[in-house]
PDB file of N, CA and C in Angstrom:
ATOM      1  N   MET A   1       0.840  -1.174   0.000  1.00  0.00           N
ATOM      2  CA  MET A   1       0.000   0.000   0.000  1.00  0.00           C
ATOM      3  C   MET A   1       0.882   1.232   0.000  1.00  0.00           C
ATOM      4  N   THR A   2       1.181   1.723  -1.130  1.00  0.00           N
ATOM      5  CA  THR A   2       2.006   2.914  -1.188  1.00  0.00           C
ATOM      6  C   THR A   2       1.182   4.170  -0.999  1.00  0.00           C
ATOM      7  N   GLU A   3      -0.078   4.109  -1.408  1.00  0.00           N
ATOM      8  CA  GLU A   3      -0.984   5.239  -1.243  1.00  0.00           C
ATOM      9  C   GLU A   3      -2.379   4.728  -0.935  1.00  0.00           C
ATOM     10  N   LEU A   4      -3.071   5.423  -0.069  1.00  0.00           N
ATOM     11  CA  LEU A   4      -4.436   5.026   0.270  1.00  0.00           C
ATOM     12  C   LEU A   4      -5.346   5.001  -0.947  1.00  0.00           C
ATOM     13  N   SER A   5      -5.127   5.895  -1.880  1.00  0.00           N
ATOM     14  CA  SER A   5      -5.987   5.941  -3.059  1.00  0.00           C
ATOM     15  C   SER A   5      -5.949   4.632  -3.839  1.00  0.00           C
ATOM     16  N   ASN A   6      -4.888   3.835  -3.651  1.00  0.00           N
ATOM     17  CA  ASN A   6      -4.796   2.539  -4.318  1.00  0.00           C
ATOM     18  C   ASN A   6      -5.804   1.533  -3.775  1.00  0.00           C
ATOM     19  N   LEU A   7      -6.438   1.839  -2.665  1.00  0.00           N
ATOM     20  CA  LEU A   7      -7.434   0.940  -2.076  1.00  0.00           C
ATOM     21  C   LEU A   7      -8.860   1.232  -2.532  1.00  0.00           C
ATOM     22  N   ALA A   8      -9.062   2.264  -3.306  1.00  0.00           N
ATOM     23  CA  ALA A   8     -10.411   2.703  -3.669  1.00  0.00           C
ATOM     24  C   ALA A   8     -11.253   1.584  -4.270  1.00  0.00           C
ATOM     25  N   TYR A   9     -10.656   0.683  -5.004  1.00  0.00           N
ATOM     26  CA  TYR A   9     -11.406  -0.398  -5.646  1.00  0.00           C
ATOM     27  C   TYR A   9     -11.656  -1.589  -4.715  1.00  0.00           C
ATOM     28  N   CYS A  10     -11.116  -1.573  -3.527  1.00  0.00           N
ATOM     29  CA  CYS A  10     -11.140  -2.729  -2.627  1.00  0.00           C
ATOM     30  C   CYS A  10     -12.326  -2.734  -1.664  1.00  0.00           C
ATOM     31  N   GLU A  11     -13.511  -2.533  -2.154  1.00  0.00           N
ATOM     32  CA  GLU A  11     -14.699  -2.552  -1.292  1.00  0.00           C
ATOM     33  C   GLU A  11     -14.849  -3.881  -0.570  1.00  0.00           C
ATOM     34  N   ARG A  12     -14.386  -4.950  -1.187  1.00  0.00           N
ATOM     35  CA  ARG A  12     -14.524  -6.285  -0.600  1.00  0.00           C
ATOM     36  C   ARG A  12     -13.795  -6.435   0.732  1.00  0.00           C
ATOM     37  N   LEU A  13     -12.871  -5.529   1.031  1.00  0.00           N
ATOM     38  CA  LEU A  13     -12.137  -5.619   2.291  1.00  0.00           C
ATOM     39  C   LEU A  13     -13.022  -5.298   3.491  1.00  0.00           C
ATOM     40  N   GLY A  14     -14.143  -4.642   3.246  1.00  0.00           N
ATOM     41  CA  GLY A  14     -15.069  -4.339   4.337  1.00  0.00           C
ATOM     42  C   GLY A  14     -14.621  -3.200   5.227  1.00  0.00           C
ATOM     43  N   LEU A  15     -13.774  -2.328   4.721  1.00  0.00           N
ATOM     44  CA  LEU A  15     -13.299  -1.202   5.522  1.00  0.00           C
ATOM     45  C   LEU A  15     -14.274  -0.034   5.493  1.00  0.00           C
ATOM     46  N   TRP A  16     -15.166   0.003   4.531  1.00  0.00           N
ATOM     47  CA  TRP A  16     -16.179   1.056   4.423  1.00  0.00           C
ATOM     48  C   TRP A  16     -17.419   0.460   3.767  1.00  0.00           C
ATOM     49  N   GLY A  17     -18.523   1.164   3.897  1.00  0.00           N
ATOM     50  CA  GLY A  17     -19.785   0.708   3.300  1.00  0.00           C
ATOM     51  C   GLY A  17     -20.865   0.578   4.352  1.00  0.00           C
ATOM     52  N   GLU A  18     -22.000   0.104   3.924  1.00  0.00           N
ATOM     53  CA  GLU A  18     -23.147  -0.026   4.816  1.00  0.00           C
ATOM     54  C   GLU A  18     -22.809  -0.901   6.022  1.00  0.00           C
ATOM     55  N   GLY A  19     -23.122  -0.390   7.210  1.00  0.00           N
ATOM     56  CA  GLY A  19     -22.859  -1.127   8.438  1.00  0.00           C
ATOM     57  C   GLY A  19     -21.420  -1.055   8.920  1.00  0.00           C
ATOM     58  N   ARG A  20     -20.603  -0.251   8.293  1.00  0.00           N
ATOM     59  CA  ARG A  20     -19.197  -0.118   8.673  1.00  0.00           C
ATOM     60  C   ARG A  20     -18.961   1.244   9.320  1.00  0.00           C
ATOM     61  N   ALA A  21     -17.776   1.431   9.846  1.00  0.00           N
ATOM     62  CA  ALA A  21     -17.441   2.693  10.514  1.00  0.00           C
ATOM     63  C   ALA A  21     -17.400   3.870   9.532  1.00  0.00           C
ATOM     64  N   PHE A  22     -17.119   3.570   8.261  1.00  0.00           N
ATOM     65  CA  PHE A  22     -17.032   4.618   7.244  1.00  0.00           C
ATOM     66  C   PHE A  22     -18.099   4.392   6.179  1.00  0.00           C
ATOM     67  N   LYS A  23     -18.838   5.452   5.866  1.00  0.00           N
ATOM     68  CA  LYS A  23     -19.932   5.371   4.894  1.00  0.00           C
ATOM     69  C   LYS A  23     -19.438   4.963   3.508  1.00  0.00           C
ATOM     70  N   ASP A  24     -18.327   5.544   3.078  1.00  0.00           N
ATOM     71  CA  ASP A  24     -17.789   5.273   1.751  1.00  0.00           C
ATOM     72  C   ASP A  24     -16.276   5.473   1.767  1.00  0.00           C
ATOM     73  N   PHE A  25     -15.650   5.243   0.618  1.00  0.00           N
ATOM     74  CA  PHE A  25     -14.195   5.351   0.557  1.00  0.00           C
ATOM     75  C   PHE A  25     -13.715   6.760   0.884  1.00  0.00           C
ATOM     76  N   GLU A  26     -14.461   7.762   0.456  1.00  0.00           N
ATOM     77  CA  GLU A  26     -14.055   9.145   0.716  1.00  0.00           C
ATOM     78  C   GLU A  26     -13.983   9.429   2.220  1.00  0.00           C
ATOM     79  N   ALA A  27     -14.953   8.915   2.980  1.00  0.00           N
ATOM     80  CA  ALA A  27     -14.947   9.096   4.438  1.00  0.00           C
ATOM     81  C   ALA A  27     -13.760   8.351   5.054  1.00  0.00           C
ATOM     82  N   PHE A  28     -13.511   7.138   4.581  1.00  0.00           N
ATOM     83  CA  PHE A  28     -12.362   6.355   5.033  1.00  0.00           C
ATOM     84  C   PHE A  28     -11.063   7.108   4.752  1.00  0.00           C
ATOM     85  N   LEU A  29     -10.929   7.606   3.516  1.00  0.00           N
ATOM     86  CA  LEU A  29      -9.726   8.318   3.091  1.00  0.00           C
ATOM     87  C   LEU A  29      -9.493   9.568   3.931  1.00  0.00           C
ATOM     88  N   LYS A  30     -10.553  10.310   4.212  1.00  0.00           N
ATOM     89  CA  LYS A  30     -10.429  11.558   4.972  1.00  0.00           C
ATOM     90  C   LYS A  30      -9.842  11.312   6.364  1.00  0.00           C
ATOM     91  N   VAL A  31     -10.324  10.290   7.036  1.00  0.00           N
ATOM     92  CA  VAL A  31      -9.858   9.999   8.397  1.00  0.00           C
ATOM     93  C   VAL A  31      -8.489   9.324   8.381  1.00  0.00           C
ATOM     94  N   VAL A  32      -8.348   8.302   7.588  1.00  0.00           N
ATOM     95  CA  VAL A  32      -7.138   7.486   7.610  1.00  0.00           C
ATOM     96  C   VAL A  32      -5.927   8.216   7.027  1.00  0.00           C
ATOM     97  N   SER A  33      -6.146   9.115   6.084  1.00  0.00           N
ATOM     98  CA  SER A  33      -5.011   9.820   5.479  1.00  0.00           C
ATOM     99  C   SER A  33      -4.259  10.676   6.491  1.00  0.00           C
ATOM    100  N   LYS A  34      -4.901  11.011   7.582  1.00  0.00           N
ATOM    101  CA  LYS A  34      -4.248  11.803   8.632  1.00  0.00           C
ATOM    102  C   LYS A  34      -3.343  10.954   9.527  1.00  0.00           C
ATOM    103  N   LYS A  35      -3.444   9.636   9.402  1.00  0.00           N
ATOM    104  CA  LYS A  35      -2.718   8.727  10.297  1.00  0.00           C
ATOM    105  C   LYS A  35      -1.264   8.511   9.898  1.00  0.00           C
ATOM    106  N   GLY A  36      -0.908   8.735   8.649  1.00  0.00           N
ATOM    107  CA  GLY A  36       0.480   8.614   8.222  1.00  0.00           C
ATOM    108  C   GLY A  36       0.868   7.240   7.721  1.00  0.00           C
ATOM    109  N   ILE A  37       2.128   7.127   7.320  1.00  0.00           N
ATOM    110  CA  ILE A  37       2.647   5.910   6.703  1.00  0.00           C
ATOM    111  C   ILE A  37       2.672   4.733   7.668  1.00  0.00           C
ATOM    112  N   PHE A  38       2.898   5.001   8.952  1.00  0.00           N
ATOM    113  CA  PHE A  38       2.915   3.915   9.932  1.00  0.00           C
ATOM    114  C   PHE A  38       1.573   3.204   9.946  1.00  0.00           C
ATOM    115  N   PHE A  39       0.495   3.971   9.894  1.00  0.00           N
ATOM    116  CA  PHE A  39      -0.830   3.360   9.893  1.00  0.00           C
ATOM    117  C   PHE A  39      -1.029   2.510   8.645  1.00  0.00           C
ATOM    118  N   LEU A  40      -0.556   2.983   7.499  1.00  0.00           N
ATOM    119  CA  LEU A  40      -0.682   2.203   6.269  1.00  0.00           C
ATOM    120  C   LEU A  40       0.024   0.858   6.397  1.00  0.00           C
ATOM    121  N   GLU A  41       1.197   0.867   6.981  1.00  0.00           N
ATOM    122  CA  GLU A  41       1.937  -0.381   7.176  1.00  0.00           C
ATOM    123  C   GLU A  41       1.180  -1.330   8.104  1.00  0.00           C
ATOM    124  N   MET A  42       0.646  -0.793   9.187  1.00  0.00           N
ATOM    125  CA  MET A  42      -0.099  -1.626  10.133  1.00  0.00           C
ATOM    126  C   MET A  42      -1.378  -2.165   9.490  1.00  0.00           C
ATOM    127  N   LEU A  43      -2.067  -1.343   8.718  1.00  0.00           N
ATOM    128  CA  LEU A  43      -3.272  -1.778   8.018  1.00  0.00           C
ATOM    129  C   LEU A  43      -2.928  -2.888   7.035  1.00  0.00           C
ATOM    130  N   ALA A  44      -1.869  -2.703   6.265  1.00  0.00           N
ATOM    131  CA  ALA A  44      -1.460  -3.723   5.296  1.00  0.00           C
ATOM    132  C   ALA A  44      -1.108  -5.035   5.993  1.00  0.00           C
ATOM    133  N   MET A  45      -0.385  -4.971   7.104  1.00  0.00           N
ATOM    134  CA  MET A  45      -0.024  -6.190   7.833  1.00  0.00           C
ATOM    135  C   MET A  45      -1.254  -6.891   8.386  1.00  0.00           C
ATOM    136  N   GLU A  46      -2.197  -6.130   8.913  1.00  0.00           N
ATOM    137  CA  GLU A  46      -3.411  -6.735   9.461  1.00  0.00           C
ATOM    138  C   GLU A  46      -4.242  -7.392   8.359  1.00  0.00           C
ATOM    139  N   LEU A  47      -4.406  -6.706   7.242  1.00  0.00           N
ATOM    140  CA  LEU A  47      -5.165  -7.275   6.127  1.00  0.00           C
ATOM    141  C   LEU A  47      -4.464  -8.512   5.555  1.00  0.00           C
ATOM    142  N   LYS A  48      -3.137  -8.473   5.517  1.00  0.00           N
ATOM    143  CA  LYS A  48      -2.379  -9.632   5.046  1.00  0.00           C
ATOM    144  C   LYS A  48      -2.552 -10.800   6.018  1.00  0.00           C
ATOM    145  N   ARG A  49      -2.503 -10.509   7.312  1.00  0.00           N
ATOM    146  CA  ARG A  49      -2.680 -11.555   8.329  1.00  0.00           C
ATOM    147  C   ARG A  49      -4.034 -12.224   8.185  1.00  0.00           C
ATOM    148  N   GLU A  50      -5.062 -11.428   7.867  1.00  0.00           N
ATOM    149  CA  GLU A  50      -6.415 -11.962   7.694  1.00  0.00           C
ATOM    150  C   GLU A  50      -6.592 -12.692   6.372  1.00  0.00           C
ATOM    151  N   GLY A  51      -5.600 -12.571   5.490  1.00  0.00           N
ATOM    152  CA  GLY A  51      -5.717 -13.182   4.178  1.00  0.00           C
ATOM    153  C   GLY A  51      -6.575 -12.364   3.232  1.00  0.00           C
ATOM    154  N   ALA A  52      -6.816 -11.100   3.577  1.00  0.00           N
ATOM    155  CA  ALA A  52      -7.680 -10.240   2.769  1.00  0.00           C
ATOM    156  C   ALA A  52      -6.892  -9.386   1.791  1.00  0.00           C
ATOM    157  N   TYR A  53      -5.583  -9.343   1.933  1.00  0.00           N
ATOM    158  CA  TYR A  53      -4.767  -8.482   1.100  1.00  0.00           C
ATOM    159  C   TYR A  53      -3.449  -9.183   0.806  1.00  0.00           C
ATOM    160  N   VAL A  54      -3.028  -9.168  -0.423  1.00  0.00           N
ATOM    161  CA  VAL A  54      -1.773  -9.794  -0.808  1.00  0.00           C
ATOM    162  C   VAL A  54      -0.865  -8.716  -1.379  1.00  0.00           C
ATOM    163  N   SER A  55       0.349  -8.689  -0.905  1.00  0.00           N
ATOM    164  CA  SER A  55       1.304  -7.707  -1.391  1.00  0.00           C
ATOM    165  C   SER A  55       2.664  -8.372  -1.501  1.00  0.00           C
ATOM    166  N   ARG A  56       3.226  -8.339  -2.689  1.00  0.00           N
ATOM    167  CA  ARG A  56       4.546  -8.950  -2.872  1.00  0.00           C
ATOM    168  C   ARG A  56       5.615  -8.197  -2.101  1.00  0.00           C
ATOM    169  N   GLY A  57       5.401  -6.905  -1.893  1.00  0.00           N
ATOM    170  CA  GLY A  57       6.418  -6.091  -1.242  1.00  0.00           C
ATOM    171  C   GLY A  57       6.340  -6.076   0.272  1.00  0.00           C
ATOM    172  N   LEU A  58       5.319  -6.692   0.834  1.00  0.00           N
ATOM    173  CA  LEU A  58       5.146  -6.670   2.281  1.00  0.00           C
ATOM    174  C   LEU A  58       5.530  -8.016   2.863  1.00  0.00           C
ATOM    175  N   SER A  59       6.465  -8.006   3.748  1.00  0.00           N
ATOM    176  CA  SER A  59       6.939  -9.240   4.349  1.00  0.00           C
ATOM    177  C   SER A  59       7.156  -9.018   5.839  1.00  0.00           C
ATOM    178  N   PHE A  60       7.020 -10.077   6.606  1.00  0.00           N
ATOM    179  CA  PHE A  60       7.306 -10.001   8.029  1.00  0.00           C
ATOM    180  C   PHE A  60       8.781 -10.311   8.294  1.00  0.00           C
ATOM    181  N   LYS A  61       9.540 -10.658   7.242  1.00  0.00           N
ATOM    182  CA  LYS A  61      10.955 -10.965   7.392  1.00  0.00           C
ATOM    183  C   LYS A  61      11.688  -9.735   7.931  1.00  0.00           C
ATOM    184  N   LYS A  62      12.452  -9.931   8.958  1.00  0.00           N
ATOM    185  CA  LYS A  62      13.220  -8.887   9.631  1.00  0.00           C
ATOM    186  C   LYS A  62      12.335  -7.821  10.292  1.00  0.00           C
ATOM    187  N   ALA A  63      11.057  -8.109  10.435  1.00  0.00           N
ATOM    188  CA  ALA A  63      10.166  -7.173  11.132  1.00  0.00           C
ATOM    189  C   ALA A  63      10.398  -7.334  12.630  1.00  0.00           C
ATOM    190  N   GLU A  64      10.348  -6.244  13.325  1.00  0.00           N
ATOM    191  CA  GLU A  64      10.526  -6.271  14.767  1.00  0.00           C
ATOM    192  C   GLU A  64       9.281  -5.706  15.428  1.00  0.00           C
ATOM    193  N   PHE A  65       8.806  -6.388  16.442  1.00  0.00           N
ATOM    194  CA  PHE A  65       7.636  -5.959  17.181  1.00  0.00           C
ATOM    195  C   PHE A  65       7.950  -6.014  18.663  1.00  0.00           C
ATOM    196  N   GLU A  66       7.333  -5.162  19.381  1.00  0.00           N
ATOM    197  CA  GLU A  66       7.489  -5.154  20.823  1.00  0.00           C
ATOM    198  C   GLU A  66       6.106  -5.268  21.440  1.00  0.00           C
ATOM    199  N   THR A  67       5.945  -6.213  22.338  1.00  0.00           N
ATOM    200  CA  THR A  67       4.676  -6.396  23.028  1.00  0.00           C
ATOM    201  C   THR A  67       4.695  -5.610  24.323  1.00  0.00           C
ATOM    202  N   LEU A  68       3.715  -4.766  24.490  1.00  0.00           N
ATOM    203  CA  LEU A  68       3.597  -3.976  25.706  1.00  0.00           C
ATOM    204  C   LEU A  68       2.346  -4.386  26.465  1.00  0.00           C
ATOM    205  N   SER A  69       2.454  -4.481  27.761  1.00  0.00           N
ATOM    206  CA  SER A  69       1.292  -4.730  28.612  1.00  0.00           C
ATOM    207  C   SER A  69       0.924  -3.413  29.271  1.00  0.00           C
ATOM    208  N   ILE A  70      -0.305  -2.988  29.034  1.00  0.00           N
ATOM    209  CA  ILE A  70      -0.754  -1.706  29.555  1.00  0.00           C
ATOM    210  C   ILE A  70      -2.043  -1.931  30.331  1.00  0.00           C
ATOM    211  N   THR A  71      -2.083  -1.415  31.529  1.00  0.00           N
ATOM    212  CA  THR A  71      -3.279  -1.524  32.346  1.00  0.00           C
ATOM    213  C   THR A  71      -4.292  -0.478  31.898  1.00  0.00           C
ATOM    214  N   LEU A  72      -5.483  -0.945  31.563  1.00  0.00           N
ATOM    215  CA  LEU A  72      -6.539  -0.043  31.117  1.00  0.00           C
ATOM    216  C   LEU A  72      -7.423   0.371  32.283  1.00  0.00           C
ATOM    217  N   SER A  73      -7.949   1.581  32.180  1.00  0.00           N
ATOM    218  CA  SER A  73      -8.912   2.030  33.186  1.00  0.00           C
ATOM    219  C   SER A  73     -10.231   1.299  32.947  1.00  0.00           C
ATOM    220  N   THR A  74     -11.136   1.392  33.880  1.00  0.00           N
ATOM    221  CA  THR A  74     -12.450   0.771  33.727  1.00  0.00           C
ATOM    222  C   THR A  74     -13.158   1.311  32.490  1.00  0.00           C
ATOM    223  N   GLU A  75     -13.073   2.622  32.276  1.00  0.00           N
ATOM    224  CA  GLU A  75     -13.711   3.230  31.102  1.00  0.00           C
ATOM    225  C   GLU A  75     -13.085   2.710  29.801  1.00  0.00           C
ATOM    226  N   GLN A  76     -11.772   2.599  29.767  1.00  0.00           N
ATOM    227  CA  GLN A  76     -11.095   2.096  28.573  1.00  0.00           C
ATOM    228  C   GLN A  76     -11.485   0.639  28.292  1.00  0.00           C
ATOM    229  N   THR A  77     -11.587  -0.143  29.346  1.00  0.00           N
ATOM    230  CA  THR A  77     -11.995  -1.541  29.200  1.00  0.00           C
ATOM    231  C   THR A  77     -13.407  -1.635  28.649  1.00  0.00           C
ATOM    232  N   GLN A  78     -14.316  -0.785  29.121  1.00  0.00           N
ATOM    233  CA  GLN A  78     -15.690  -0.791  28.628  1.00  0.00           C
ATOM    234  C   GLN A  78     -15.746  -0.387  27.155  1.00  0.00           C
ATOM    235  N   VAL A  79     -14.957   0.608  26.760  1.00  0.00           N
ATOM    236  CA  VAL A  79     -14.914   1.029  25.355  1.00  0.00           C
ATOM    237  C   VAL A  79     -14.374  -0.106  24.495  1.00  0.00           C
ATOM    238  N   TYR A  80     -13.320  -0.764  24.946  1.00  0.00           N
ATOM    239  CA  TYR A  80     -12.737  -1.883  24.196  1.00  0.00           C
ATOM    240  C   TYR A  80     -13.759  -3.011  24.050  1.00  0.00           C
ATOM    241  N   ASP A  81     -14.421  -3.362  25.156  1.00  0.00           N
ATOM    242  CA  ASP A  81     -15.419  -4.431  25.113  1.00  0.00           C
ATOM    243  C   ASP A  81     -16.561  -4.095  24.152  1.00  0.00           C
ATOM    244  N   ALA A  82     -17.000  -2.838  24.162  1.00  0.00           N
ATOM    245  CA  ALA A  82     -18.074  -2.415  23.254  1.00  0.00           C
ATOM    246  C   ALA A  82     -17.610  -2.507  21.800  1.00  0.00           C
ATOM    247  N   ALA A  83     -16.367  -2.094  21.521  1.00  0.00           N
ATOM    248  CA  ALA A  83     -15.832  -2.174  20.160  1.00  0.00           C
ATOM    249  C   ALA A  83     -15.707  -3.627  19.704  1.00  0.00           C
ATOM    250  N   ALA A  84     -15.247  -4.489  20.595  1.00  0.00           N
ATOM    251  CA  ALA A  84     -15.112  -5.905  20.258  1.00  0.00           C
ATOM    252  C   ALA A  84     -16.480  -6.525  19.985  1.00  0.00           C
ATOM    253  N   MET A  85     -17.476  -6.140  20.761  1.00  0.00           N
ATOM    254  CA  MET A  85     -18.829  -6.646  20.544  1.00  0.00           C
ATOM    255  C   MET A  85     -19.358  -6.182  19.193  1.00  0.00           C
ATOM    256  N   LEU A  86     -19.152  -4.918  18.869  1.00  0.00           N
ATOM    257  CA  LEU A  86     -19.590  -4.381  17.584  1.00  0.00           C
ATOM    258  C   LEU A  86     -18.900  -5.122  16.437  1.00  0.00           C
ATOM    259  N   TRP A  87     -17.610  -5.387  16.580  1.00  0.00           N
ATOM    260  CA  TRP A  87     -16.846  -6.077  15.543  1.00  0.00           C
ATOM    261  C   TRP A  87     -17.408  -7.485  15.309  1.00  0.00           C
ATOM    262  N   THR A  88     -17.748  -8.190  16.379  1.00  0.00           N
ATOM    263  CA  THR A  88     -18.252  -9.557  16.222  1.00  0.00           C
ATOM    264  C   THR A  88     -19.680  -9.580  15.665  1.00  0.00           C
ATOM    265  N   LEU A  89     -20.442  -8.510  15.902  1.00  0.00           N
ATOM    266  CA  LEU A  89     -21.790  -8.437  15.357  1.00  0.00           C
ATOM    267  C   LEU A  89     -21.796  -8.020  13.901  1.00  0.00           C
ATOM    268  N   ASN A  90     -20.724  -7.402  13.415  1.00  0.00           N
ATOM    269  CA  ASN A  90     -20.620  -6.928  12.030  1.00  0.00           C
ATOM    270  C   ASN A  90     -19.352  -7.479  11.389  1.00  0.00           C
ATOM    271  N   PRO A  91     -19.277  -8.811  11.208  1.00  0.00           N
ATOM    272  CA  PRO A  91     -18.054  -9.362  10.617  1.00  0.00           C
ATOM    273  C   PRO A  91     -17.868  -8.896   9.182  1.00  0.00           C
ATOM    274  N   LYS A  92     -16.604  -8.904   8.751  1.00  0.00           N
ATOM    275  CA  LYS A  92     -16.295  -8.529   7.368  1.00  0.00           C
ATOM    276  C   LYS A  92     -16.888  -9.574   6.427  1.00  0.00           C
ATOM    277  N   PRO A  93     -17.252  -9.124   5.215  1.00  0.00           N
ATOM    278  CA  PRO A  93     -17.824 -10.077   4.250  1.00  0.00           C
ATOM    279  C   PRO A  93     -16.794 -11.088   3.791  1.00  0.00           C
TER     280      PRO A  93
END
């Protein structure tokens, strides 16, 4: 994913559309374009992990990750639980 605009044809990924967080690609582009290149890399890795996106240039070889354990507040835990519930009720196509 070198540019977000390259995803415009990928409606099948379920990142925008009816019942999703973003109404259409333009809404998705407006919000996500502010996130920067790091977000694009993370999005590409997540979609690749799910088997929803294939990229010859994206590899986990020599990738480094650090796992952090962070204690969430009660409010943060409730928000996370609500988001997880929403995700399971609206699975990707």
